[in-house]
C-alpha atoms as a PDB file:
ATOM      1  CA  ASP A   1     102.987 103.466  70.246  1.00  0.00           C
ATOM      2  CA  SER A   2     102.667 101.065  73.155  1.00  0.00           C
ATOM      3  CA  VAL A   3      99.501 102.610  74.631  1.00  0.00           C
ATOM      4  CA  ASP A   4      96.388 100.651  73.661  1.00  0.00           C
ATOM      5  CA  GLY A   5      93.952 102.917  75.478  1.00  0.00           C
ATOM      6  CA  LEU A   6      93.523 105.599  78.121  1.00  0.00           C
ATOM      7  CA  ILE A   7      91.155 105.448  81.111  1.00  0.00           C
ATOM      8  CA  VAL A   8      89.855 108.659  82.698  1.00  0.00           C
ATOM      9  CA  THR A   9      88.416 108.011  86.158  1.00  0.00           C
ATOM     10  CA  HIS A  10      86.923 111.388  87.066  1.00  0.00           C
ATOM     11  CA  ALA A  11      86.758 115.051  86.133  1.00  0.00           C
ATOM     12  CA  HIS A  12      89.177 116.669  88.594  1.00  0.00           C
ATOM     13  CA  MET A  13      91.953 118.723  87.031  1.00  0.00           C
ATOM     14  CA  ASP A  14      94.816 116.550  88.295  1.00  0.00           C
ATOM     15  CA  HIS A  15      93.317 113.653  86.337  1.00  0.00           C
ATOM     16  CA  VAL A  16      92.372 115.333  83.027  1.00  0.00           C
ATOM     17  CA  SER A  17      94.437 118.496  82.524  1.00  0.00           C
ATOM     18  CA  GLY A  18      97.401 116.582  81.086  1.00  0.00           C
ATOM     19  CA  PHE A  19      95.361 115.002  78.300  1.00  0.00           C
ATOM     20  CA  PRO A  20      96.280 117.516  75.551  1.00  0.00           C
ATOM     21  CA  LEU A  21      99.978 117.141  76.398  1.00  0.00           C
ATOM     22  CA  PHE A  22      99.622 113.359  76.284  1.00  0.00           C
ATOM     23  CA  MET A  23      98.063 113.590  72.814  1.00  0.00           C
ATOM     24  CA  GLU A  24     100.833 115.877  71.610  1.00  0.00           C
ATOM     25  CA  LYS A  25     103.493 113.523  72.981  1.00  0.00           C
ATOM     26  CA  ILE A  26     102.171 110.397  71.255  1.00  0.00           C
ATOM     27  CA  TRP A  27     101.703 112.358  68.022  1.00  0.00           C
ATOM     28  CA  LEU A  28     105.309 113.602  68.149  1.00  0.00           C
ATOM     29  CA  ASP A  29     106.389 110.006  68.786  1.00  0.00           C
ATOM     30  CA  GLY A  30     104.794 109.009  65.486  1.00  0.00           C
ATOM     31  CA  ARG A  31     101.524 107.453  66.561  1.00  0.00           C
ATOM     32  CA  ASP A  32      98.692 107.848  64.094  1.00  0.00           C
ATOM     33  CA  ARG A  33      96.396 104.939  65.010  1.00  0.00           C
ATOM     34  CA  LEU A  34      93.134 105.275  66.887  1.00  0.00           C
ATOM     35  CA  LEU A  35      93.294 105.952  70.635  1.00  0.00           C
ATOM     36  CA  PRO A  36      90.380 104.673  72.754  1.00  0.00           C
ATOM     37  CA  VAL A  37      89.664 107.009  75.688  1.00  0.00           C
ATOM     38  CA  VAL A  38      87.373 105.335  78.211  1.00  0.00           C
ATOM     39  CA  GLY A  39      85.544 106.742  81.219  1.00  0.00           C
ATOM     40  CA  ILE A  40      82.302 107.675  82.904  1.00  0.00           C
ATOM     41  CA  GLU A  41      80.366 110.549  81.329  1.00  0.00           C
ATOM     42  CA  PRO A  42      81.546 113.435  83.575  1.00  0.00           C
ATOM     43  CA  ALA A  43      85.183 112.399  83.164  1.00  0.00           C
ATOM     44  CA  LEU A  44      84.933 112.118  79.382  1.00  0.00           C
ATOM     45  CA  THR A  45      83.121 115.453  79.152  1.00  0.00           C
ATOM     46  CA  GLN A  46      85.919 117.201  81.022  1.00  0.00           C
ATOM     47  CA  ALA A  47      88.630 115.465  78.984  1.00  0.00           C
ATOM     48  CA  LYS A  48      86.874 116.568  75.791  1.00  0.00           C
ATOM     49  CA  ARG A  49      86.733 120.145  77.083  1.00  0.00           C
ATOM     50  CA  THR A  50      90.463 120.230  77.721  1.00  0.00           C
ATOM     51  CA  TRP A  51      91.137 118.796  74.266  1.00  0.00           C
ATOM     52  CA  ASP A  52      88.706 121.132  72.518  1.00  0.00           C
ATOM     53  CA  ALA A  53      90.299 124.142  74.219  1.00  0.00           C
ATOM     54  CA  PHE A  54      93.366 123.530  72.048  1.00  0.00           C
ATOM     55  CA  GLU A  55      91.458 122.856  68.828  1.00  0.00           C
ATOM     56  CA  PRO A  56      92.864 125.973  67.101  1.00  0.00           C
ATOM     57  CA  VAL A  57      96.284 124.387  67.602  1.00  0.00           C
ATOM     58  CA  HIS A  58      95.782 120.685  66.930  1.00  0.00           C
ATOM     59  CA  GLU A  59      93.249 120.953  64.095  1.00  0.00           C
ATOM     60  CA  GLY A  60      96.145 121.668  61.736  1.00  0.00           C
ATOM     61  CA  TRP A  61      98.350 118.787  62.839  1.00  0.00           C
ATOM     62  CA  ALA A  62      98.706 116.146  60.155  1.00  0.00           C
ATOM     63  CA  ASP A  63      98.021 112.520  61.111  1.00  0.00           C
ATOM     64  CA  ILE A  64      97.088 113.247  64.711  1.00  0.00           C
ATOM     65  CA  PRO A  65      95.634 110.075  66.246  1.00  0.00           C
ATOM     66  CA  PRO A  66      91.837 109.962  66.073  1.00  0.00           C
ATOM     67  CA  ILE A  67      90.106 109.559  69.436  1.00  0.00           C
ATOM     68  CA  ASP A  68      87.439 106.961  70.147  1.00  0.00           C
ATOM     69  CA  TRP A  69      85.502 108.263  73.164  1.00  0.00           C
ATOM     70  CA  ARG A  70      83.983 105.278  75.005  1.00  0.00           C
ATOM     71  CA  GLU A  71      81.525 105.962  77.819  1.00  0.00           C
ATOM     72  CA  VAL A  72      81.340 103.516  80.730  1.00  0.00           C
ATOM     73  CA  ALA A  73      78.353 103.107  83.042  1.00  0.00           C
ATOM     74  CA  HIS A  74      78.843 104.501  86.548  1.00  0.00           C
ATOM     75  CA  GLU A  75      77.950 101.220  88.237  1.00  0.00           C
ATOM     76  CA  ARG A  76      79.531  98.194  89.854  1.00  0.00           C
ATOM     77  CA  ASP A  77      81.226  95.701  87.497  1.00  0.00           C
ATOM     78  CA  ALA A  78      81.025  98.087  84.540  1.00  0.00           C
ATOM     79  CA  ILE A  79      83.160  96.788  81.671  1.00  0.00           C
ATOM     80  CA  VAL A  80      85.945  99.245  80.880  1.00  0.00           C
ATOM     81  CA  TRP A  81      88.206  97.084  78.712  1.00  0.00           C
ATOM     82  CA  ASP A  82      87.876  93.540  77.432  1.00  0.00           C
ATOM     83  CA  GLU A  83      90.648  92.839  74.951  1.00  0.00           C
ATOM     84  CA  ALA A  84      93.025  89.931  75.530  1.00  0.00           C
ATOM     85  CA  PRO A  85      94.940  89.520  77.709  1.00  0.00           C
ATOM     86  CA  TRP A  86      93.297  92.227  79.856  1.00  0.00           C
ATOM     87  CA  THR A  87      89.860  92.591  81.399  1.00  0.00           C
ATOM     88  CA  ILE A  88      89.196  95.818  83.299  1.00  0.00           C
ATOM     89  CA  THR A  89      86.073  96.512  85.321  1.00  0.00           C
ATOM     90  CA  ALA A  90      85.067  99.583  87.313  1.00  0.00           C
ATOM     91  CA  ALA A  91      82.998 100.404  90.365  1.00  0.00           C
ATOM     92  CA  PRO A  92      81.910 103.712  91.924  1.00  0.00           C
ATOM     93  CA  VAL A  93      84.033 104.905  94.848  1.00  0.00           C
ATOM     94  CA  ASP A  94      83.475 107.635  97.461  1.00  0.00           C
ATOM     95  CA  HIS A  95      84.960 110.951  96.331  1.00  0.00           C
ATOM     96  CA  GLY A  96      82.301 113.220  97.778  1.00  0.00           C
ATOM     97  CA  ASP A  97      80.085 114.908  95.195  1.00  0.00           C
ATOM     98  CA  THR A  98      82.413 113.960  92.336  1.00  0.00           C
ATOM     99  CA  ALA A  99      81.502 110.848  90.358  1.00  0.00           C
ATOM    100  CA  ASN A 100      84.561 108.609  90.300  1.00  0.00           C
ATOM    101  CA  VAL A 101      85.500 104.979  89.758  1.00  0.00           C
ATOM    102  CA  GLY A 102      88.100 102.516  90.953  1.00  0.00           C
ATOM    103  CA  LEU A 103      89.426  99.814  88.646  1.00  0.00           C
ATOM    104  CA  ARG A 104      90.055  96.063  88.751  1.00  0.00           C
ATOM    105  CA  ILE A 105      92.567  94.890  86.140  1.00  0.00           C
ATOM    106  CA  GLU A 106      92.776  91.159  85.440  1.00  0.00           C
ATOM    107  CA  HIS A 107      95.487  89.415  83.409  1.00  0.00           C
ATOM    108  CA  ALA A 108      93.840  86.333  81.892  1.00  0.00           C
ATOM    109  CA  PRO A 109      96.937  84.179  81.167  1.00  0.00           C
ATOM    110  CA  THR A 110      98.117  84.290  84.793  1.00  0.00           C
ATOM    111  CA  GLY A 111      94.938  85.116  86.687  1.00  0.00           C
ATOM    112  CA  GLN A 112      96.754  87.929  88.456  1.00  0.00           C
ATOM    113  CA  VAL A 113      94.829  91.020  89.522  1.00  0.00           C
ATOM    114  CA  LEU A 114      95.703  94.668  90.131  1.00  0.00           C
ATOM    115  CA  ALA A 115      93.156  96.948  91.810  1.00  0.00           C
ATOM    116  CA  TYR A 116      93.265 100.756  91.818  1.00  0.00           C
ATOM    117  CA  SER A 117      91.226 102.804  94.280  1.00  0.00           C
ATOM    118  CA  CYS A 118      91.544 106.173  92.553  1.00  0.00           C
ATOM    119  CA  ASP A 119      90.643 109.164  94.763  1.00  0.00           C
ATOM    120  CA  THR A 120      88.307 108.006  97.522  1.00  0.00           C
ATOM    121  CA  ALA A 121      87.524 107.895 101.191  1.00  0.00           C
ATOM    122  CA  PRO A 122      87.920 104.387 102.626  1.00  0.00           C
ATOM    123  CA  THR A 123      84.958 102.351 101.439  1.00  0.00           C
ATOM    124  CA  GLU A 124      83.751  98.779 101.216  1.00  0.00           C
ATOM    125  CA  ARG A 125      83.298  99.386  97.498  1.00  0.00           C
ATOM    126  CA  VAL A 126      87.064  99.374  97.028  1.00  0.00           C
ATOM    127  CA  ALA A 127      87.458  96.340  99.282  1.00  0.00           C
ATOM    128  CA  ASP A 128      84.931  94.494  97.117  1.00  0.00           C
ATOM    129  CA  LEU A 129      86.636  95.672  93.934  1.00  0.00           C
ATOM    130  CA  ALA A 130      90.059  94.566  95.202  1.00  0.00           C
ATOM    131  CA  GLN A 131      89.021  91.244  96.735  1.00  0.00           C
ATOM    132  CA  ASN A 132      91.971  88.786  96.666  1.00  0.00           C
ATOM    133  CA  ALA A 133      93.977  91.016  94.322  1.00  0.00           C
ATOM    134  CA  ASP A 134      97.719  90.527  93.969  1.00  0.00           C
ATOM    135  CA  MET A 135      98.213  94.264  94.423  1.00  0.00           C
ATOM    136  CA  LEU A 136      96.044  97.181  95.524  1.00  0.00           C
ATOM    137  CA  VAL A 137      97.170 100.657  94.506  1.00  0.00           C
ATOM    138  CA  HIS A 138      95.385 102.974  96.935  1.00  0.00           C
ATOM    139  CA  GLU A 139      95.558 106.714  97.434  1.00  0.00           C
ATOM    140  CA  ALA A 140      96.541 108.086 100.839  1.00  0.00           C
ATOM    141  CA  ASN A 141      96.036 111.831 100.551  1.00  0.00           C
ATOM    142  CA  GLY A 142      93.876 111.956 103.684  1.00  0.00           C
ATOM    143  CA  GLY A 143      94.097 114.847 106.069  1.00  0.00           C
ATOM    144  CA  THR A 144      93.254 117.422 103.409  1.00  0.00           C
ATOM    145  CA  THR A 145      89.563 116.603 102.890  1.00  0.00           C
ATOM    146  CA  ASP A 146      87.068 113.964 103.911  1.00  0.00           C
ATOM    147  CA  ASN A 147      87.002 112.675 100.340  1.00  0.00           C
ATOM    148  CA  HIS A 148      90.423 111.023 100.533  1.00  0.00           C
ATOM    149  CA  SER A 149      91.960 108.189 102.554  1.00  0.00           C
ATOM    150  CA  THR A 150      94.638 108.198 105.204  1.00  0.00           C
ATOM    151  CA  ALA A 151      97.420 105.644 104.922  1.00  0.00           C
ATOM    152  CA  ALA A 152      95.910 103.663 107.785  1.00  0.00           C
ATOM    153  CA  GLY A 153      92.499 103.832 106.132  1.00  0.00           C
ATOM    154  CA  ALA A 154      93.934 102.474 102.897  1.00  0.00           C
ATOM    155  CA  ALA A 155      95.658  99.693 104.831  1.00  0.00           C
ATOM    156  CA  LYS A 156      92.363  98.716 106.460  1.00  0.00           C
ATOM    157  CA  VAL A 157      90.804  98.395 102.996  1.00  0.00           C
ATOM    158  CA  ALA A 158      93.744  96.224 101.879  1.00  0.00           C
ATOM    159  CA  ALA A 159      93.296  93.971 104.891  1.00  0.00           C
ATOM    160  CA  ASP A 160      89.539  93.714 104.352  1.00  0.00           C
ATOM    161  CA  ALA A 161      90.119  92.829 100.696  1.00  0.00           C
ATOM    162  CA  ASP A 162      92.735  90.184 101.570  1.00  0.00           C
ATOM    163  CA  VAL A 163      95.167  91.472  98.957  1.00  0.00           C
ATOM    164  CA  ASP A 164      98.792  90.342  98.758  1.00  0.00           C
ATOM    165  CA  ARG A 165     100.380  93.783  98.593  1.00  0.00           C
ATOM    166  CA  LEU A 166      99.411  97.441  99.099  1.00  0.00           C
ATOM    167  CA  LEU A 167     101.036 100.297  97.215  1.00  0.00           C
ATOM    168  CA  LEU A 168     100.305 103.776  98.595  1.00  0.00           C
ATOM    169  CA  VAL A 169     100.088 106.650  96.102  1.00  0.00           C
ATOM    170  CA  HIS A 170      98.843 110.256  95.952  1.00  0.00           C
ATOM    171  CA  LEU A 171     100.309 111.073  99.369  1.00  0.00           C
ATOM    172  CA  PRO A 172     100.605 114.641 100.723  1.00  0.00           C
ATOM    173  CA  PRO A 173     103.898 116.475 100.112  1.00  0.00           C
ATOM    174  CA  GLY A 174     106.711 116.054 102.603  1.00  0.00           C
ATOM    175  CA  ASP A 175     108.047 113.179 104.649  1.00  0.00           C
ATOM    176  CA  LYS A 176     106.072 110.025 103.902  1.00  0.00           C
ATOM    177  CA  SER A 177     107.710 107.767 106.474  1.00  0.00           C
ATOM    178  CA  GLU A 178     104.961 108.308 109.055  1.00  0.00           C
ATOM    179  CA  SER A 179     102.300 107.371 106.494  1.00  0.00           C
ATOM    180  CA  LEU A 180     104.174 104.181 105.680  1.00  0.00           C
ATOM    181  CA  ARG A 181     104.589 103.342 109.369  1.00  0.00           C
ATOM    182  CA  ALA A 182     100.889 103.897 110.068  1.00  0.00           C
ATOM    183  CA  ALA A 183      99.873 101.703 107.141  1.00  0.00           C
ATOM    184  CA  ARG A 184     102.261  98.882 108.039  1.00  0.00           C
ATOM    185  CA  GLN A 185     100.834  98.735 111.556  1.00  0.00           C
ATOM    186  CA  VAL A 186      97.545  97.713 109.941  1.00  0.00           C
ATOM    187  CA  PHE A 187      98.807  95.909 106.832  1.00  0.00           C
ATOM    188  CA  PRO A 188     102.523  94.986 106.913  1.00  0.00           C
ATOM    189  CA  GLN A 189     102.814  94.268 103.169  1.00  0.00           C
ATOM    190  CA  THR A 190     102.691  97.981 102.326  1.00  0.00           C
ATOM    191  CA  ASP A 191     105.088  99.996 100.175  1.00  0.00           C
ATOM    192  CA  LEU A 192     105.194 103.550  98.859  1.00  0.00           C
ATOM    193  CA  GLY A 193     104.617 104.083  95.162  1.00  0.00           C
ATOM    194  CA  GLU A 194     107.114 106.321  93.397  1.00  0.00           C
ATOM    195  CA  GLU A 195     106.626 108.390  90.274  1.00  0.00           C
ATOM    196  CA  LEU A 196     107.813 106.391  87.236  1.00  0.00           C
ATOM    197  CA  GLY A 197     108.350 103.368  89.488  1.00  0.00           C
ATOM    198  CA  THR A 198     107.829  99.891  88.035  1.00  0.00           C
ATOM    199  CA  TYR A 199     105.809  97.386  90.049  1.00  0.00           C
ATOM    200  CA  PRO A 200     105.292  94.094  88.178  1.00  0.00           C
ATOM    201  CA  PHE A 201     102.225  92.080  89.057  1.00  0.00           C
ATOM    202  CA  ALA A 202     101.934  89.916  85.927  1.00  0.00           C
ATOM    203  CA  PRO A 203     104.536  88.488  83.502  1.00  0.00           C
END
């Protein structure tokens, strides 16, 4: 019951299709309190569709957590979450024709900041969002479409934003050493994110 809320950045299947399984998991773990689900309109609409597809199953579950759908404006500095100690703002990023947002997460007691690019081509919007952040988590799935970033492109954004550390995620399958090498040539303080890895940025 440690999850205070869920943020959905955009409507692509790799970002929303797991929502029903997430709801089932927290229900099986005993959660029955309200779950805020926050996102821009297209992302929330798709998340609702995936949840509603299983309505014949979950409508009979006792004490399933109620969902509070919270729509966020698709604009710079949109407030996503403002409950102590966290403030989260969003800004549009460049994922082609798909509306999408990156996030800036601020920890008030320490002043530390985590920025997340989400899926995007390299853009000044992410550099602005991540300005002076302690850590930037940036995708590096480039090479498959023009709507993603290469590792070097992500590193350039990190350098432009003057962040302390870059964590590359959402890389293509296979050997990632070349991606890491390319990024470190541009921004030496780069590491590879790992699934279920822990990367502290605030106490």
